[in-house]
Amino acid sequence: MIVSFVVFIFICESFNSSKVYTWSVQYSNTSEHVPQILYPCNNTIEALAGSKLEITCSVLAELHPTVEILVYWLANHSYIEDYSNSARVTEVRTERREKEKSYIEVDLSFTEVKIKDFEIKFVCVVLSEEIDQERFVFIKPAVSNVASDIAVALVLISIILVSICMYKCVKYKHPLSYAILK
């Protein structure tokens, strides 16, 4: 009952605020039909600063008409709209229905990953009458392929140079000469 009241208040507040968007999917009121967050899985992903990035919060729910499910992203306990005052980071919602299941996907879309994003905990939140779930994802800087290619090239060049030096040392080693004196 308390959870229902909290969800009701949250829904009412979301209608009064432009910061929280609701996404409704209906499911039955039994415990085996609670929504599940499929992704993210409390993990870390890699991205390059300046690149585009999309992270999907994927939720599985049963289709039965009784309860509303809210799905949204937070960035360090702030709504995404507050985190990125520009349109650099946005949420895009989609729903896919199958026979008795529904998949809610809320994409966190970055037009450009900034260095400050590497310090932020991004949390996918799912609220319903029966369950409140959160899963997080951190973004860490990816190792540039150029840097790793340069490192591999330096190692190969070093091996080649050492091989050449060893060959020259062995090849130019003078054999002992014997002189016959009369």
N, C-alpha and C. Protein backbone atom coordinates (compact mmCIF):
# COMPACT_ATOMS: atom_id res chain seq x y z
N MET A 1 0.82 -1.19 0.00
CA MET A 1 0.00 0.00 0.00
C MET A 1 0.87 1.26 0.00
N ILE A 2 1.94 1.25 0.80
CA ILE A 2 2.83 2.41 0.86
C ILE A 2 3.52 2.60 -0.49
N VAL A 3 3.95 1.48 -1.09
CA VAL A 3 4.59 1.57 -2.40
C VAL A 3 3.62 2.17 -3.42
N SER A 4 2.36 1.78 -3.37
CA SER A 4 1.35 2.32 -4.28
C SER A 4 1.21 3.82 -4.08
N PHE A 5 1.19 4.24 -2.85
CA PHE A 5 1.06 5.66 -2.54
C PHE A 5 2.27 6.44 -3.06
N VAL A 6 3.48 5.90 -2.86
CA VAL A 6 4.70 6.56 -3.33
C VAL A 6 4.69 6.66 -4.85
N VAL A 7 4.30 5.58 -5.52
CA VAL A 7 4.24 5.60 -6.99
C VAL A 7 3.19 6.61 -7.45
N PHE A 8 2.06 6.66 -6.77
CA PHE A 8 1.01 7.62 -7.11
C PHE A 8 1.53 9.05 -6.99
N ILE A 9 2.22 9.35 -5.89
CA ILE A 9 2.80 10.70 -5.71
C ILE A 9 3.82 10.97 -6.79
N PHE A 10 4.64 10.00 -7.08
CA PHE A 10 5.67 10.18 -8.12
C PHE A 10 5.03 10.46 -9.47
N ILE A 11 3.97 9.76 -9.79
CA ILE A 11 3.27 9.97 -11.06
C ILE A 11 2.66 11.36 -11.10
N CYS A 12 2.04 11.78 -10.01
CA CYS A 12 1.46 13.12 -9.96
C CYS A 12 2.53 14.19 -10.13
N GLU A 13 3.67 14.01 -9.48
CA GLU A 13 4.75 14.97 -9.61
C GLU A 13 5.29 15.00 -11.02
N SER A 14 5.32 13.85 -11.68
CA SER A 14 5.86 13.81 -13.04
C SER A 14 4.96 14.58 -14.00
N PHE A 15 3.64 14.63 -13.73
CA PHE A 15 2.77 15.42 -14.59
C PHE A 15 2.97 16.91 -14.36
N ASN A 16 3.38 17.29 -13.15
CA ASN A 16 3.62 18.69 -12.84
C ASN A 16 5.00 19.15 -13.23
N SER A 17 5.91 18.24 -13.51
CA SER A 17 7.29 18.58 -13.84
C SER A 17 7.61 18.09 -15.24
N SER A 18 8.39 18.87 -15.95
CA SER A 18 8.81 18.44 -17.28
C SER A 18 10.08 17.61 -17.20
N LYS A 19 10.57 17.33 -16.01
CA LYS A 19 11.85 16.65 -15.85
C LYS A 19 11.73 15.13 -15.92
N VAL A 20 10.58 14.57 -15.57
CA VAL A 20 10.42 13.11 -15.56
C VAL A 20 9.36 12.74 -16.58
N TYR A 21 9.68 11.79 -17.41
CA TYR A 21 8.74 11.31 -18.39
C TYR A 21 8.28 9.93 -17.98
N THR A 22 7.03 9.65 -18.19
CA THR A 22 6.52 8.33 -17.85
C THR A 22 6.36 7.52 -19.11
N TRP A 23 6.49 6.25 -18.94
CA TRP A 23 6.31 5.31 -20.04
C TRP A 23 5.50 4.18 -19.47
N SER A 24 4.35 3.94 -20.02
CA SER A 24 3.49 2.96 -19.38
C SER A 24 3.43 1.68 -20.19
N VAL A 25 3.52 0.61 -19.45
CA VAL A 25 3.33 -0.72 -19.97
C VAL A 25 2.50 -1.43 -18.93
N GLN A 26 1.55 -2.18 -19.34
CA GLN A 26 0.66 -2.84 -18.40
C GLN A 26 1.11 -4.28 -18.17
N TYR A 27 1.03 -4.72 -16.93
CA TYR A 27 1.34 -6.10 -16.62
C TYR A 27 0.51 -6.56 -15.44
N SER A 28 0.42 -7.86 -15.21
CA SER A 28 -0.44 -8.38 -14.16
C SER A 28 0.15 -8.09 -12.78
N ASN A 29 -0.68 -8.20 -11.78
CA ASN A 29 -0.31 -7.79 -10.44
C ASN A 29 0.25 -8.94 -9.61
N THR A 30 0.86 -9.91 -10.23
CA THR A 30 1.44 -11.02 -9.49
C THR A 30 2.94 -10.87 -9.45
N SER A 31 3.56 -11.46 -8.44
CA SER A 31 5.00 -11.25 -8.22
C SER A 31 5.87 -11.85 -9.32
N GLU A 32 5.38 -12.87 -10.04
CA GLU A 32 6.22 -13.43 -11.09
C GLU A 32 6.21 -12.57 -12.35
N HIS A 33 5.41 -11.52 -12.37
CA HIS A 33 5.31 -10.67 -13.55
C HIS A 33 5.89 -9.28 -13.32
N VAL A 34 6.82 -9.14 -12.41
CA VAL A 34 7.41 -7.83 -12.17
C VAL A 34 8.39 -7.51 -13.31
N PRO A 35 8.54 -6.23 -13.62
CA PRO A 35 9.47 -5.88 -14.69
C PRO A 35 10.91 -6.18 -14.31
N GLN A 36 11.73 -6.49 -15.31
CA GLN A 36 13.13 -6.80 -15.08
C GLN A 36 13.99 -5.90 -15.96
N ILE A 37 15.06 -5.35 -15.39
CA ILE A 37 16.02 -4.61 -16.19
C ILE A 37 16.97 -5.63 -16.81
N LEU A 38 17.00 -5.67 -18.13
CA LEU A 38 17.89 -6.60 -18.84
C LEU A 38 19.27 -5.99 -19.04
N TYR A 39 19.31 -4.67 -19.28
CA TYR A 39 20.58 -3.97 -19.45
C TYR A 39 20.36 -2.52 -19.09
N PRO A 40 21.26 -1.87 -18.42
CA PRO A 40 22.64 -2.22 -18.08
C PRO A 40 22.71 -3.18 -16.91
N CYS A 41 23.88 -3.73 -16.69
CA CYS A 41 24.08 -4.75 -15.66
C CYS A 41 25.13 -4.30 -14.65
N ASN A 42 25.06 -3.05 -14.20
CA ASN A 42 26.05 -2.52 -13.25
C ASN A 42 27.46 -2.73 -13.79
N ASN A 43 27.72 -2.16 -14.96
CA ASN A 43 28.98 -2.40 -15.62
C ASN A 43 29.62 -1.10 -16.10
N THR A 44 30.73 -1.22 -16.78
CA THR A 44 31.47 -0.09 -17.33
C THR A 44 31.62 -0.31 -18.83
N ILE A 45 31.46 0.77 -19.60
CA ILE A 45 31.67 0.69 -21.04
C ILE A 45 32.74 1.71 -21.43
N GLU A 46 33.35 1.50 -22.59
CA GLU A 46 34.41 2.38 -23.05
C GLU A 46 33.91 3.28 -24.17
N ALA A 47 34.41 4.52 -24.17
CA ALA A 47 34.09 5.47 -25.24
C ALA A 47 35.24 6.45 -25.39
N LEU A 48 35.37 6.99 -26.57
CA LEU A 48 36.38 8.01 -26.83
C LEU A 48 35.76 9.38 -26.61
N ALA A 49 36.50 10.28 -25.99
CA ALA A 49 36.04 11.65 -25.83
C ALA A 49 35.83 12.24 -27.22
N GLY A 50 34.70 12.91 -27.40
CA GLY A 50 34.38 13.50 -28.69
C GLY A 50 33.55 12.61 -29.59
N SER A 51 33.39 11.33 -29.23
CA SER A 51 32.63 10.41 -30.07
C SER A 51 31.15 10.42 -29.69
N LYS A 52 30.33 9.83 -30.55
CA LYS A 52 28.91 9.63 -30.25
C LYS A 52 28.77 8.34 -29.46
N LEU A 53 27.72 8.26 -28.62
CA LEU A 53 27.51 7.07 -27.81
C LEU A 53 26.03 6.91 -27.53
N GLU A 54 25.58 5.67 -27.49
CA GLU A 54 24.21 5.36 -27.13
C GLU A 54 24.21 4.19 -26.16
N ILE A 55 23.57 4.38 -25.00
CA ILE A 55 23.45 3.34 -23.98
C ILE A 55 21.96 3.06 -23.83
N THR A 56 21.58 1.80 -23.91
CA THR A 56 20.17 1.43 -23.85
C THR A 56 19.83 0.80 -22.51
N CYS A 57 18.80 1.33 -21.88
CA CYS A 57 18.21 0.67 -20.70
C CYS A 57 17.07 -0.18 -21.25
N SER A 58 17.22 -1.48 -21.13
CA SER A 58 16.24 -2.41 -21.69
C SER A 58 15.49 -3.10 -20.56
N VAL A 59 14.16 -3.00 -20.58
CA VAL A 59 13.31 -3.54 -19.51
C VAL A 59 12.31 -4.51 -20.12
N LEU A 60 12.16 -5.67 -19.49
CA LEU A 60 11.19 -6.68 -19.91
C LEU A 60 10.00 -6.62 -18.96
N ALA A 61 8.80 -6.57 -19.51
CA ALA A 61 7.58 -6.54 -18.69
C ALA A 61 6.51 -7.42 -19.32
N GLU A 62 5.62 -7.92 -18.49
CA GLU A 62 4.49 -8.70 -18.96
C GLU A 62 3.36 -7.75 -19.37
N LEU A 63 2.57 -8.13 -20.36
CA LEU A 63 1.46 -7.30 -20.83
C LEU A 63 0.15 -7.73 -20.20
N HIS A 64 -0.29 -7.01 -19.21
CA HIS A 64 -1.60 -7.23 -18.59
C HIS A 64 -2.05 -5.89 -18.03
N PRO A 65 -3.32 -5.53 -18.14
CA PRO A 65 -3.76 -4.18 -17.80
C PRO A 65 -3.96 -3.92 -16.30
N THR A 66 -2.95 -3.46 -15.59
CA THR A 66 -3.16 -3.03 -14.22
C THR A 66 -2.20 -1.96 -13.72
N VAL A 67 -0.93 -2.01 -14.05
CA VAL A 67 0.03 -1.14 -13.39
C VAL A 67 0.90 -0.40 -14.40
N GLU A 68 1.21 0.84 -14.08
CA GLU A 68 2.08 1.65 -14.92
C GLU A 68 3.54 1.46 -14.50
N ILE A 69 4.45 1.47 -15.49
CA ILE A 69 5.88 1.32 -15.23
C ILE A 69 6.58 2.59 -15.72
N LEU A 70 7.40 3.17 -14.86
CA LEU A 70 8.18 4.35 -15.21
C LEU A 70 9.61 3.92 -15.47
N VAL A 71 10.19 4.39 -16.57
CA VAL A 71 11.57 4.06 -16.91
C VAL A 71 12.26 5.37 -17.31
N TYR A 72 13.39 5.66 -16.67
CA TYR A 72 14.13 6.87 -17.00
C TYR A 72 15.58 6.75 -16.55
N TRP A 73 16.42 7.69 -16.99
CA TRP A 73 17.84 7.71 -16.65
C TRP A 73 18.14 8.85 -15.68
N LEU A 74 19.12 8.61 -14.80
CA LEU A 74 19.66 9.64 -13.93
C LEU A 74 21.16 9.74 -14.17
N ALA A 75 21.71 10.93 -13.94
CA ALA A 75 23.15 11.14 -14.03
C ALA A 75 23.59 11.73 -12.69
N ASN A 76 24.26 10.92 -11.87
CA ASN A 76 24.64 11.34 -10.51
C ASN A 76 23.45 11.91 -9.75
N HIS A 77 22.36 11.18 -9.72
CA HIS A 77 21.14 11.52 -8.99
C HIS A 77 20.41 12.73 -9.55
N SER A 78 20.72 13.15 -10.77
CA SER A 78 20.03 14.26 -11.43
C SER A 78 19.35 13.73 -12.68
N TYR A 79 18.23 14.36 -13.02
CA TYR A 79 17.58 13.99 -14.28
C TYR A 79 18.49 14.37 -15.44
N ILE A 80 18.39 13.65 -16.52
CA ILE A 80 19.25 13.87 -17.67
C ILE A 80 19.08 15.30 -18.20
N GLU A 81 17.88 15.83 -18.16
CA GLU A 81 17.64 17.20 -18.63
C GLU A 81 18.42 18.21 -17.79
N ASP A 82 18.61 17.93 -16.50
CA ASP A 82 19.38 18.82 -15.63
C ASP A 82 20.88 18.61 -15.81
N TYR A 83 21.28 17.40 -16.12
CA TYR A 83 22.69 17.09 -16.29
C TYR A 83 23.25 17.78 -17.53
N SER A 84 22.54 17.67 -18.60
CA SER A 84 22.98 18.28 -19.86
C SER A 84 21.95 19.32 -20.26
N ASN A 85 22.25 20.58 -19.94
CA ASN A 85 21.32 21.66 -20.28
C ASN A 85 21.13 21.81 -21.79
N SER A 86 22.10 21.36 -22.55
CA SER A 86 21.95 21.40 -24.00
C SER A 86 21.36 20.07 -24.45
N ALA A 87 21.26 19.89 -25.74
CA ALA A 87 20.72 18.64 -26.28
C ALA A 87 21.83 17.63 -26.52
N ARG A 88 22.98 17.78 -25.84
CA ARG A 88 24.11 16.87 -26.02
C ARG A 88 23.78 15.47 -25.52
N VAL A 89 23.03 15.37 -24.42
CA VAL A 89 22.63 14.07 -23.86
C VAL A 89 21.10 14.06 -23.77
N THR A 90 20.48 13.09 -24.42
CA THR A 90 19.02 13.00 -24.43
C THR A 90 18.56 11.57 -24.19
N GLU A 91 17.27 11.44 -23.87
CA GLU A 91 16.65 10.13 -23.72
C GLU A 91 15.68 9.91 -24.89
N VAL A 92 15.71 8.70 -25.43
CA VAL A 92 14.80 8.32 -26.51
C VAL A 92 14.12 7.03 -26.09
N ARG A 93 12.79 7.04 -26.07
CA ARG A 93 12.04 5.88 -25.60
C ARG A 93 11.38 5.14 -26.75
N THR A 94 11.42 3.80 -26.65
CA THR A 94 10.72 2.95 -27.61
C THR A 94 10.11 1.78 -26.85
N GLU A 95 9.11 1.18 -27.44
CA GLU A 95 8.49 -0.01 -26.86
C GLU A 95 8.27 -1.02 -27.97
N ARG A 96 8.58 -2.25 -27.66
CA ARG A 96 8.39 -3.35 -28.61
C ARG A 96 7.53 -4.40 -27.92
N ARG A 97 6.44 -4.77 -28.54
CA ARG A 97 5.53 -5.76 -27.95
C ARG A 97 5.62 -7.08 -28.69
N GLU A 98 5.59 -8.14 -27.91
CA GLU A 98 5.48 -9.48 -28.47
C GLU A 98 4.20 -10.09 -27.93
N LYS A 99 4.06 -11.40 -27.96
CA LYS A 99 2.79 -12.02 -27.56
C LYS A 99 2.32 -11.58 -26.18
N GLU A 100 3.07 -11.91 -25.14
CA GLU A 100 2.66 -11.52 -23.79
C GLU A 100 3.73 -10.72 -23.07
N LYS A 101 4.70 -10.24 -23.82
CA LYS A 101 5.79 -9.49 -23.22
C LYS A 101 5.94 -8.16 -23.94
N SER A 102 6.52 -7.24 -23.20
CA SER A 102 6.82 -5.94 -23.78
C SER A 102 8.24 -5.58 -23.39
N TYR A 103 8.96 -4.99 -24.32
CA TYR A 103 10.31 -4.52 -24.06
C TYR A 103 10.29 -3.00 -24.12
N ILE A 104 10.63 -2.37 -23.02
CA ILE A 104 10.75 -0.93 -22.99
C ILE A 104 12.23 -0.62 -23.11
N GLU A 105 12.57 0.25 -24.03
CA GLU A 105 13.96 0.64 -24.19
C GLU A 105 14.05 2.16 -24.12
N VAL A 106 14.90 2.63 -23.23
CA VAL A 106 15.15 4.06 -23.10
C VAL A 106 16.63 4.27 -23.40
N ASP A 107 16.90 4.86 -24.57
CA ASP A 107 18.27 5.08 -25.00
C ASP A 107 18.78 6.38 -24.41
N LEU A 108 19.97 6.34 -23.85
CA LEU A 108 20.68 7.52 -23.40
C LEU A 108 21.64 7.86 -24.53
N SER A 109 21.36 8.93 -25.24
CA SER A 109 22.08 9.24 -26.47
C SER A 109 22.97 10.46 -26.27
N PHE A 110 24.27 10.27 -26.54
CA PHE A 110 25.26 11.34 -26.45
C PHE A 110 25.63 11.77 -27.86
N THR A 111 25.47 13.05 -28.19
CA THR A 111 25.95 13.52 -29.48
C THR A 111 27.46 13.69 -29.45
N GLU A 112 28.00 13.91 -28.25
CA GLU A 112 29.45 14.01 -28.06
C GLU A 112 29.78 13.66 -26.61
N VAL A 113 30.62 12.66 -26.43
CA VAL A 113 31.06 12.28 -25.08
C VAL A 113 32.13 13.28 -24.65
N LYS A 114 31.93 13.85 -23.47
CA LYS A 114 32.91 14.80 -22.92
C LYS A 114 33.68 14.13 -21.79
N ILE A 115 34.82 14.71 -21.44
CA ILE A 115 35.66 14.15 -20.38
C ILE A 115 34.90 14.09 -19.06
N LYS A 116 34.02 15.05 -18.79
CA LYS A 116 33.26 15.05 -17.54
C LYS A 116 32.33 13.84 -17.42
N ASP A 117 31.95 13.25 -18.56
CA ASP A 117 31.07 12.07 -18.54
C ASP A 117 31.75 10.84 -17.94
N PHE A 118 33.10 10.83 -17.94
CA PHE A 118 33.83 9.69 -17.40
C PHE A 118 33.76 9.63 -15.88
N GLU A 119 33.30 10.66 -15.23
CA GLU A 119 33.23 10.71 -13.76
C GLU A 119 31.81 10.52 -13.25
N ILE A 120 30.86 10.26 -14.13
CA ILE A 120 29.44 10.24 -13.79
C ILE A 120 28.91 8.81 -13.72
N LYS A 121 28.05 8.58 -12.74
CA LYS A 121 27.34 7.30 -12.63
C LYS A 121 25.97 7.49 -13.28
N PHE A 122 25.75 6.80 -14.40
CA PHE A 122 24.48 6.86 -15.11
C PHE A 122 23.62 5.68 -14.64
N VAL A 123 22.40 6.00 -14.17
CA VAL A 123 21.54 4.99 -13.56
C VAL A 123 20.22 4.90 -14.31
N CYS A 124 19.86 3.68 -14.69
CA CYS A 124 18.55 3.41 -15.27
C CYS A 124 17.61 3.06 -14.11
N VAL A 125 16.50 3.77 -14.02
CA VAL A 125 15.54 3.58 -12.92
C VAL A 125 14.24 3.03 -13.49
N VAL A 126 13.71 1.99 -12.84
CA VAL A 126 12.41 1.43 -13.20
C VAL A 126 11.55 1.46 -11.95
N LEU A 127 10.42 2.14 -12.05
CA LEU A 127 9.48 2.24 -10.92
C LEU A 127 8.15 1.64 -11.34
N SER A 128 7.60 0.84 -10.45
CA SER A 128 6.25 0.32 -10.66
C SER A 128 5.64 0.15 -9.29
N GLU A 129 4.41 -0.27 -9.26
CA GLU A 129 3.72 -0.47 -7.99
C GLU A 129 4.39 -1.55 -7.15
N GLU A 130 4.95 -2.55 -7.80
CA GLU A 130 5.48 -3.70 -7.09
C GLU A 130 6.98 -3.68 -6.87
N ILE A 131 7.71 -2.89 -7.65
CA ILE A 131 9.17 -2.98 -7.54
C ILE A 131 9.82 -1.67 -7.99
N ASP A 132 10.92 -1.36 -7.33
CA ASP A 132 11.78 -0.25 -7.74
C ASP A 132 13.14 -0.87 -8.03
N GLN A 133 13.66 -0.66 -9.24
CA GLN A 133 14.95 -1.24 -9.62
C GLN A 133 15.84 -0.15 -10.18
N GLU A 134 17.13 -0.33 -9.96
CA GLU A 134 18.13 0.56 -10.53
C GLU A 134 19.30 -0.28 -11.01
N ARG A 135 19.84 0.08 -12.15
CA ARG A 135 21.07 -0.50 -12.67
C ARG A 135 21.92 0.65 -13.19
N PHE A 136 23.23 0.56 -13.00
CA PHE A 136 24.08 1.67 -13.40
C PHE A 136 25.09 1.25 -14.45
N VAL A 137 25.67 2.26 -15.05
CA VAL A 137 26.75 2.08 -16.01
C VAL A 137 27.69 3.27 -15.88
N PHE A 138 28.99 3.00 -15.92
CA PHE A 138 30.01 4.03 -15.95
C PHE A 138 30.62 4.04 -17.33
N ILE A 139 31.02 5.21 -17.78
CA ILE A 139 31.73 5.34 -19.05
C ILE A 139 33.19 5.60 -18.72
N LYS A 140 34.08 4.82 -19.31
CA LYS A 140 35.51 5.07 -19.09
C LYS A 140 36.17 5.36 -20.43
N PRO A 141 37.27 6.10 -20.38
CA PRO A 141 37.94 6.44 -21.64
C PRO A 141 38.50 5.19 -22.32
N ALA A 142 38.25 5.09 -23.60
CA ALA A 142 38.77 3.95 -24.38
C ALA A 142 40.20 4.25 -24.80
N VAL A 143 40.96 3.19 -24.91
CA VAL A 143 42.31 3.33 -25.43
C VAL A 143 42.18 3.53 -26.93
N SER A 144 42.75 4.57 -27.42
CA SER A 144 42.67 4.87 -28.84
C SER A 144 43.36 3.78 -29.65
N ASN A 145 42.80 3.39 -30.75
CA ASN A 145 43.42 2.38 -31.61
C ASN A 145 44.73 2.88 -32.19
N VAL A 146 44.83 4.17 -32.41
CA VAL A 146 46.05 4.74 -32.95
C VAL A 146 47.20 4.53 -31.97
N ALA A 147 46.94 4.78 -30.69
CA ALA A 147 47.98 4.61 -29.69
C ALA A 147 48.43 3.15 -29.60
N SER A 148 47.49 2.23 -29.63
CA SER A 148 47.87 0.82 -29.55
C SER A 148 48.59 0.38 -30.83
N ASP A 149 48.20 0.92 -31.99
CA ASP A 149 48.89 0.60 -33.24
C ASP A 149 50.33 1.10 -33.23
N ILE A 150 50.52 2.29 -32.68
CA ILE A 150 51.88 2.84 -32.58
C ILE A 150 52.74 1.98 -31.65
N ALA A 151 52.17 1.55 -30.54
CA ALA A 151 52.91 0.71 -29.60
C ALA A 151 53.32 -0.61 -30.26
N VAL A 152 52.41 -1.23 -30.99
CA VAL A 152 52.71 -2.49 -31.67
C VAL A 152 53.79 -2.26 -32.72
N ALA A 153 53.71 -1.15 -33.47
CA ALA A 153 54.71 -0.85 -34.49
C ALA A 153 56.09 -0.66 -33.86
N LEU A 154 56.16 0.03 -32.72
CA LEU A 154 57.44 0.23 -32.04
C LEU A 154 58.05 -1.09 -31.58
N VAL A 155 57.24 -1.97 -31.08
CA VAL A 155 57.72 -3.28 -30.64
C VAL A 155 58.26 -4.06 -31.84
N LEU A 156 57.54 -4.06 -32.94
CA LEU A 156 58.00 -4.78 -34.14
C LEU A 156 59.30 -4.20 -34.69
N ILE A 157 59.39 -2.89 -34.72
CA ILE A 157 60.62 -2.25 -35.20
C ILE A 157 61.80 -2.60 -34.29
N SER A 158 61.56 -2.61 -32.99
CA SER A 158 62.63 -2.99 -32.05
C SER A 158 63.10 -4.42 -32.29
N ILE A 159 62.18 -5.33 -32.49
CA ILE A 159 62.53 -6.73 -32.74
C ILE A 159 63.34 -6.85 -34.03
N ILE A 160 62.93 -6.13 -35.06
CA ILE A 160 63.66 -6.18 -36.33
C ILE A 160 65.07 -5.63 -36.16
N LEU A 161 65.22 -4.50 -35.49
CA LEU A 161 66.55 -3.90 -35.29
C LEU A 161 67.48 -4.81 -34.47
N VAL A 162 66.95 -5.41 -33.43
CA VAL A 162 67.76 -6.33 -32.62
C VAL A 162 68.17 -7.53 -33.48
N SER A 163 67.26 -8.04 -34.29
CA SER A 163 67.59 -9.18 -35.16
C SER A 163 68.68 -8.82 -36.15
N ILE A 164 68.62 -7.65 -36.74
CA ILE A 164 69.63 -7.21 -37.71
C ILE A 164 70.99 -7.07 -37.03
N CYS A 165 71.02 -6.46 -35.85
CA CYS A 165 72.28 -6.30 -35.11
C CYS A 165 72.89 -7.65 -34.76
N MET A 166 72.07 -8.59 -34.31
CA MET A 166 72.58 -9.91 -33.96
C MET A 166 73.13 -10.62 -35.20
N TYR A 167 72.45 -10.49 -36.33
CA TYR A 167 72.91 -11.11 -37.57
C TYR A 167 74.26 -10.54 -38.00
N LYS A 168 74.38 -9.23 -37.94
CA LYS A 168 75.64 -8.60 -38.35
C LYS A 168 76.78 -8.99 -37.43
N CYS A 169 76.50 -9.09 -36.16
CA CYS A 169 77.56 -9.48 -35.21
C CYS A 169 78.03 -10.90 -35.48
N VAL A 170 77.14 -11.79 -35.78
CA VAL A 170 77.50 -13.18 -36.03
C VAL A 170 78.16 -13.32 -37.39
N LYS A 171 77.68 -12.64 -38.41
CA LYS A 171 78.19 -12.76 -39.77
C LYS A 171 79.60 -12.17 -39.87
N TYR A 172 79.85 -11.07 -39.27
CA TYR A 172 81.15 -10.42 -39.40
C TYR A 172 82.16 -10.87 -38.36
N LYS A 173 81.88 -11.88 -37.68
CA LYS A 173 82.85 -12.42 -36.75
C LYS A 173 83.93 -13.11 -37.58
N HIS A 174 85.13 -12.61 -37.48
CA HIS A 174 86.21 -13.14 -38.32
C HIS A 174 86.65 -14.50 -37.80
N PRO A 175 86.79 -15.45 -38.73
CA PRO A 175 87.32 -16.74 -38.29
C PRO A 175 88.82 -16.60 -38.05
N LEU A 176 89.34 -17.46 -37.27
CA LEU A 176 90.79 -17.42 -36.98
C LEU A 176 91.57 -17.70 -38.27
N SER A 177 92.56 -16.91 -38.55
CA SER A 177 93.38 -17.10 -39.74
C SER A 177 94.72 -17.67 -39.29
N TYR A 178 95.18 -18.58 -40.09
CA TYR A 178 96.49 -19.17 -39.83
C TYR A 178 97.42 -18.70 -40.95
N ALA A 179 98.51 -18.27 -40.55
CA ALA A 179 99.52 -17.88 -41.53
C ALA A 179 100.65 -18.88 -41.49
N ILE A 180 101.04 -19.34 -42.63
CA ILE A 180 102.15 -20.29 -42.70
C ILE A 180 103.40 -19.48 -43.09
N LEU A 181 104.32 -19.50 -42.24
CA LEU A 181 105.55 -18.77 -42.46
C LEU A 181 106.64 -19.72 -42.92
N LYS A 182 107.42 -19.34 -43.80
CA LYS A 182 108.52 -20.16 -44.26
C LYS A 182 109.80 -19.60 -43.85
